[in-house]
Amino acid sequence: MLPPMRLALAALIVLIALGGTSWAALAAEAAWGQVEIVTAVLGAAAIVLAALAIILAVAAFWGWNALKSHAASIAAEAAEKAASEAASRQVQSLLREWGVSEPATSGDDIAQAYEKE
């Protein structure tokens, strides 16, 4: 059972135990007819369902925020990877266009390349 339902059931048991009567005895009394008992039970059920709806709404809001932040982080990683790959392809294309077969990997390589010219 869900916690709100357990709480409502416990409250009903306590009320019955403190009153020392059963449902049949409550129905037999003039103050508590069958209509009043049904009304009380349906009212308790409505309260339990309202509490459950609130709990589900809070859980849905929390889940939506968690999902949104996770999706944003995945999208940022994918965009970074795509941009890096696109830049690498562009650099390789420019190197082929300029006729560079071995790209420089350090400042010394660049200085030696300028000295050759």
C-alpha atoms as a PDB file:
ATOM      1  CA  MET A   1       0.000   0.000   0.000  1.00  0.00           C
ATOM      2  CA  LEU A   2       1.021   3.573  -0.515  1.00  0.00           C
ATOM      3  CA  PRO A   3       1.921   5.667   2.549  1.00  0.00           C
ATOM      4  CA  PRO A   4      -1.155   7.972   2.372  1.00  0.00           C
ATOM      5  CA  MET A   5      -3.424   4.941   2.171  1.00  0.00           C
ATOM      6  CA  ARG A   6      -1.701   3.363   5.154  1.00  0.00           C
ATOM      7  CA  LEU A   7      -2.119   6.600   7.081  1.00  0.00           C
ATOM      8  CA  ALA A   8      -5.822   6.807   6.262  1.00  0.00           C
ATOM      9  CA  LEU A   9      -6.321   3.159   7.160  1.00  0.00           C
ATOM     10  CA  ALA A  10      -4.499   3.667  10.461  1.00  0.00           C
ATOM     11  CA  ALA A  11      -6.628   6.727  11.227  1.00  0.00           C
ATOM     12  CA  LEU A  12      -9.825   4.783  10.556  1.00  0.00           C
ATOM     13  CA  ILE A  13      -8.651   1.897  12.755  1.00  0.00           C
ATOM     14  CA  VAL A  14      -7.791   4.307  15.574  1.00  0.00           C
ATOM     15  CA  LEU A  15     -11.181   6.003  15.295  1.00  0.00           C
ATOM     16  CA  ILE A  16     -12.971   2.691  15.433  1.00  0.00           C
ATOM     17  CA  ALA A  17     -10.810   1.398  18.299  1.00  0.00           C
ATOM     18  CA  LEU A  18     -11.275   4.563  20.364  1.00  0.00           C
ATOM     19  CA  GLY A  19     -14.991   4.561  19.776  1.00  0.00           C
ATOM     20  CA  GLY A  20     -15.220   0.915  20.730  1.00  0.00           C
ATOM     21  CA  THR A  21     -17.834   0.326  18.068  1.00  0.00           C
ATOM     22  CA  SER A  22     -17.942  -1.473  14.766  1.00  0.00           C
ATOM     23  CA  TRP A  23     -19.210  -0.288  11.409  1.00  0.00           C
ATOM     24  CA  ALA A  24     -22.460  -2.093  12.042  1.00  0.00           C
ATOM     25  CA  ALA A  25     -22.883  -0.389  15.408  1.00  0.00           C
ATOM     26  CA  LEU A  26     -22.152   2.989  13.841  1.00  0.00           C
ATOM     27  CA  ALA A  27     -24.749   2.326  11.171  1.00  0.00           C
ATOM     28  CA  ALA A  28     -27.293   1.269  13.807  1.00  0.00           C
ATOM     29  CA  GLU A  29     -26.984   4.516  15.772  1.00  0.00           C
ATOM     30  CA  ALA A  30     -29.255   7.367  14.824  1.00  0.00           C
ATOM     31  CA  ALA A  31     -26.386   9.868  14.530  1.00  0.00           C
ATOM     32  CA  TRP A  32     -24.461   7.650  12.127  1.00  0.00           C
ATOM     33  CA  GLY A  33     -26.723   6.292   9.467  1.00  0.00           C
ATOM     34  CA  GLN A  34     -25.549   4.386   6.437  1.00  0.00           C
ATOM     35  CA  VAL A  35     -25.514   7.573   4.386  1.00  0.00           C
ATOM     36  CA  GLU A  36     -23.223   9.342   6.866  1.00  0.00           C
ATOM     37  CA  ILE A  37     -20.823   6.395   7.008  1.00  0.00           C
ATOM     38  CA  VAL A  38     -20.606   6.191   3.229  1.00  0.00           C
ATOM     39  CA  THR A  39     -20.085   9.956   3.093  1.00  0.00           C
ATOM     40  CA  ALA A  40     -17.276   9.760   5.660  1.00  0.00           C
ATOM     41  CA  VAL A  41     -15.563   6.876   3.865  1.00  0.00           C
ATOM     42  CA  LEU A  42     -15.813   8.601   0.481  1.00  0.00           C
ATOM     43  CA  GLY A  43     -14.531  11.844   2.020  1.00  0.00           C
ATOM     44  CA  ALA A  44     -11.522  10.010   3.478  1.00  0.00           C
ATOM     45  CA  ALA A  45     -10.904   8.358   0.118  1.00  0.00           C
ATOM     46  CA  ALA A  46     -11.025  11.765  -1.598  1.00  0.00           C
ATOM     47  CA  ILE A  47      -8.484  13.155   0.860  1.00  0.00           C
ATOM     48  CA  VAL A  48      -6.182  10.182   0.306  1.00  0.00           C
ATOM     49  CA  LEU A  49      -6.469  10.550  -3.475  1.00  0.00           C
ATOM     50  CA  ALA A  50      -5.771  14.291  -3.255  1.00  0.00           C
ATOM     51  CA  ALA A  51      -2.642  13.635  -1.172  1.00  0.00           C
ATOM     52  CA  LEU A  52      -1.540  10.990  -3.659  1.00  0.00           C
ATOM     53  CA  ALA A  53      -2.106  13.409  -6.556  1.00  0.00           C
ATOM     54  CA  ILE A  54       0.027  16.049  -4.848  1.00  0.00           C
ATOM     55  CA  ILE A  55       2.818  13.545  -4.218  1.00  0.00           C
ATOM     56  CA  LEU A  56       2.705  12.405  -7.849  1.00  0.00           C
ATOM     57  CA  ALA A  57       2.768  16.010  -9.078  1.00  0.00           C
ATOM     58  CA  VAL A  58       5.853  16.786  -6.993  1.00  0.00           C
ATOM     59  CA  ALA A  59       7.555  13.597  -8.211  1.00  0.00           C
ATOM     60  CA  ALA A  60       6.704  14.450 -11.834  1.00  0.00           C
ATOM     61  CA  PHE A  61       8.099  17.969 -11.445  1.00  0.00           C
ATOM     62  CA  TRP A  62      11.305  16.629  -9.874  1.00  0.00           C
ATOM     63  CA  GLY A  63      11.655  13.986 -12.600  1.00  0.00           C
ATOM     64  CA  TRP A  64      11.102  16.533 -15.354  1.00  0.00           C
ATOM     65  CA  ASN A  65      13.824  18.806 -13.973  1.00  0.00           C
ATOM     66  CA  ALA A  66      16.248  15.890 -13.628  1.00  0.00           C
ATOM     67  CA  LEU A  67      15.491  14.735 -17.172  1.00  0.00           C
ATOM     68  CA  LYS A  68      15.878  18.257 -18.556  1.00  0.00           C
ATOM     69  CA  SER A  69      19.259  18.850 -16.892  1.00  0.00           C
ATOM     70  CA  HIS A  70      20.550  15.448 -17.986  1.00  0.00           C
ATOM     71  CA  ALA A  71      19.425  16.059 -21.568  1.00  0.00           C
ATOM     72  CA  ALA A  72      21.125  19.460 -21.537  1.00  0.00           C
ATOM     73  CA  SER A  73      24.425  17.956 -20.397  1.00  0.00           C
ATOM     74  CA  ILE A  74      24.223  15.240 -23.072  1.00  0.00           C
ATOM     75  CA  ALA A  75      23.438  17.867 -25.718  1.00  0.00           C
ATOM     76  CA  ALA A  76      26.393  20.013 -24.609  1.00  0.00           C
ATOM     77  CA  GLU A  77      28.750  17.017 -24.834  1.00  0.00           C
ATOM     78  CA  ALA A  78      27.414  16.084 -28.280  1.00  0.00           C
ATOM     79  CA  ALA A  79      27.750  19.671 -29.529  1.00  0.00           C
ATOM     80  CA  GLU A  80      31.325  19.890 -28.230  1.00  0.00           C
ATOM     81  CA  LYS A  81      32.232  16.611 -29.937  1.00  0.00           C
ATOM     82  CA  ALA A  82      30.574  17.653 -33.210  1.00  0.00           C
ATOM     83  CA  ALA A  83      32.301  21.045 -33.173  1.00  0.00           C
ATOM     84  CA  SER A  84      35.666  19.431 -32.479  1.00  0.00           C
ATOM     85  CA  GLU A  85      35.231  16.955 -35.330  1.00  0.00           C
ATOM     86  CA  ALA A  86      34.073  19.690 -37.725  1.00  0.00           C
ATOM     87  CA  ALA A  87      37.044  21.885 -36.812  1.00  0.00           C
ATOM     88  CA  SER A  88      39.417  18.949 -37.297  1.00  0.00           C
ATOM     89  CA  ARG A  89      37.947  18.211 -40.740  1.00  0.00           C
ATOM     90  CA  GLN A  90      38.227  21.892 -41.679  1.00  0.00           C
ATOM     91  CA  VAL A  91      41.865  22.042 -40.550  1.00  0.00           C
ATOM     92  CA  GLN A  92      42.709  18.876 -42.478  1.00  0.00           C
ATOM     93  CA  SER A  93      40.999  20.310 -45.570  1.00  0.00           C
ATOM     94  CA  LEU A  94      42.995  23.545 -45.306  1.00  0.00           C
ATOM     95  CA  LEU A  95      46.244  21.635 -44.786  1.00  0.00           C
ATOM     96  CA  ARG A  96      45.590  19.606 -47.953  1.00  0.00           C
ATOM     97  CA  GLU A  97      44.686  22.792 -49.831  1.00  0.00           C
ATOM     98  CA  TRP A  98      47.919  24.495 -48.767  1.00  0.00           C
ATOM     99  CA  GLY A  99      49.991  21.426 -49.576  1.00  0.00           C
ATOM    100  CA  VAL A 100      51.144  20.656 -46.048  1.00  0.00           C
ATOM    101  CA  SER A 101      51.739  16.929 -45.752  1.00  0.00           C
ATOM    102  CA  GLU A 102      53.137  16.868 -42.226  1.00  0.00           C
ATOM    103  CA  PRO A 103      51.464  19.406 -39.945  1.00  0.00           C
ATOM    104  CA  ALA A 104      53.630  21.062 -37.311  1.00  0.00           C
ATOM    105  CA  THR A 105      53.157  19.740 -33.820  1.00  0.00           C
ATOM    106  CA  SER A 106      55.249  22.222 -31.864  1.00  0.00           C
ATOM    107  CA  GLY A 107      56.691  25.706 -32.054  1.00  0.00           C
ATOM    108  CA  ASP A 108      60.114  24.360 -33.098  1.00  0.00           C
ATOM    109  CA  ASP A 109      58.581  22.612 -36.107  1.00  0.00           C
ATOM    110  CA  ILE A 110      56.959  25.870 -37.174  1.00  0.00           C
ATOM    111  CA  ALA A 111      60.228  27.792 -36.801  1.00  0.00           C
ATOM    112  CA  GLN A 112      62.098  25.209 -38.877  1.00  0.00           C
ATOM    113  CA  ALA A 113      59.451  25.381 -41.584  1.00  0.00           C
ATOM    114  CA  TYR A 114      59.887  29.162 -41.844  1.00  0.00           C
ATOM    115  CA  GLU A 115      63.669  28.816 -41.938  1.00  0.00           C
ATOM    116  CA  LYS A 116      63.402  26.505 -44.964  1.00  0.00           C
ATOM    117  CA  GLU A 117      61.494  29.111 -46.934  1.00  0.00           C
END
